[in-house]
Protein backbone atom coordinates (compact mmCIF):
# COMPACT_ATOMS: atom_id res chain seq x y z
CA MET A 1 -26.79 -44.07 0.81
CA ASN A 2 -29.30 -46.52 2.26
CA LEU A 3 -32.85 -46.99 0.99
CA THR A 4 -34.41 -44.84 3.72
CA GLN A 5 -32.07 -41.94 2.92
CA GLN A 6 -32.71 -42.35 -0.81
CA LEU A 7 -36.50 -42.29 -0.28
CA ALA A 8 -36.19 -39.20 1.93
CA GLU A 9 -34.09 -37.38 -0.68
CA GLN A 10 -36.35 -38.30 -3.60
CA SER A 11 -39.42 -37.39 -1.58
CA GLN A 12 -37.99 -33.98 -0.70
CA GLN A 13 -37.11 -33.28 -4.35
CA LEU A 14 -40.61 -34.24 -5.47
CA ARG A 15 -42.22 -32.14 -2.73
CA GLU A 16 -40.16 -29.16 -3.91
CA LEU A 17 -41.26 -29.82 -7.50
CA TRP A 18 -44.91 -30.03 -6.38
CA THR A 19 -44.57 -26.72 -4.53
CA ALA A 20 -42.96 -25.06 -7.57
CA LEU A 21 -45.48 -26.38 -10.12
CA VAL A 22 -48.74 -26.91 -8.26
CA GLY A 23 -48.14 -24.38 -5.51
CA GLN A 24 -50.88 -25.63 -3.21
CA HIS A 25 -52.33 -28.79 -1.69
CA LEU A 26 -48.91 -30.29 -0.90
CA PRO A 27 -49.26 -33.97 -0.02
CA THR A 28 -47.52 -35.20 3.11
CA GLU A 29 -44.01 -36.62 3.19
CA GLN A 30 -45.63 -40.00 3.89
CA GLN A 31 -47.75 -39.77 0.72
CA PHE A 32 -44.67 -39.18 -1.41
CA ARG A 33 -42.90 -42.12 0.25
CA ILE A 34 -45.90 -44.34 -0.46
CA TRP A 35 -45.86 -43.27 -4.12
CA LEU A 36 -42.11 -43.91 -4.30
CA SER A 37 -42.57 -47.38 -2.83
CA MET A 38 -45.08 -48.17 -5.59
CA PHE A 39 -43.62 -46.30 -8.59
CA ASP A 40 -40.23 -45.11 -9.76
CA ALA A 41 -39.25 -41.48 -9.23
CA ALA A 42 -39.65 -40.64 -12.95
CA THR A 43 -43.28 -41.82 -12.88
CA VAL A 44 -44.02 -39.76 -9.76
CA LYS A 45 -42.34 -36.72 -11.35
CA LYS A 46 -44.45 -37.10 -14.49
CA ALA A 47 -47.58 -37.33 -12.33
CA VAL A 48 -46.65 -34.13 -10.47
CA GLU A 49 -46.17 -32.32 -13.79
CA ARG A 50 -49.50 -33.56 -15.15
CA THR A 51 -51.23 -32.70 -11.87
CA ALA A 52 -49.93 -29.14 -12.15
CA ILE A 53 -51.51 -28.77 -15.60
CA TRP A 54 -54.76 -30.33 -14.40
CA SER A 55 -54.80 -28.06 -11.34
CA MET A 56 -54.53 -24.93 -13.49
CA LYS A 57 -57.38 -26.11 -15.72
CA THR A 58 -59.68 -27.15 -12.87
CA PRO A 59 -59.42 -24.68 -9.98
CA GLY A 60 -61.26 -25.21 -6.71
CA LYS A 61 -60.21 -28.81 -6.16
CA THR A 62 -59.24 -30.16 -2.73
CA ILE A 63 -55.98 -31.76 -1.63
CA GLU A 64 -57.72 -35.13 -1.83
CA ASP A 65 -58.68 -34.42 -5.45
CA HIS A 66 -55.06 -33.59 -6.23
CA ILE A 67 -53.77 -36.76 -4.56
CA ARG A 68 -56.36 -38.91 -6.38
CA TYR A 69 -55.51 -37.32 -9.72
CA ALA A 70 -51.75 -37.78 -9.26
CA SER A 71 -52.27 -41.37 -8.09
CA GLY A 72 -54.41 -42.07 -11.14
CA VAL A 73 -51.73 -40.72 -13.47
CA MET A 74 -49.18 -43.03 -11.84
CA ALA A 75 -51.47 -46.06 -12.00
CA ASN A 76 -52.28 -45.37 -15.65
CA SER A 77 -48.58 -45.02 -16.47
CA LYS A 78 -47.88 -48.39 -14.87
CA ARG A 79 -50.82 -49.99 -16.70
CA ASP A 80 -49.79 -48.43 -20.03
CA ALA A 81 -46.21 -49.64 -19.59
CA ALA A 82 -47.44 -53.17 -18.87
CA ALA A 83 -49.74 -53.13 -21.92
CA SER A 84 -46.91 -51.87 -24.11
CA PHE A 85 -44.64 -54.64 -22.82
CA ASP A 86 -47.32 -57.27 -23.48
CA GLY A 87 -47.76 -55.89 -26.99
CA ARG A 88 -44.04 -56.16 -27.69
CA LYS A 89 -44.03 -59.76 -26.42
CA ALA A 90 -46.94 -60.63 -28.74
CA VAL A 91 -45.23 -59.04 -31.75
CA SER A 92 -41.98 -60.88 -31.07
CA ARG A 93 -43.83 -64.20 -30.93
CA GLY A 94 -45.77 -63.36 -34.09
């Protein structure tokens, strides 16, 4: 399976997860492909799950709000992973 096919398959699975958990404000196929080009599928999946919880707690939000929230979760996950890695490097030098 080539990279384009892999992205298409992962994107479709994540769109189905979004529909099942969030149920509304489905981002475009292109948005999921952008996320998958920036983050691994597990990070995007975690963001979809957290967005579903946020969406239930804060009704009345727009699709743009949902996309921003999910993107923020992904960015924070990446930042937290980098900080954790830097912390492990510092401890090992210590």
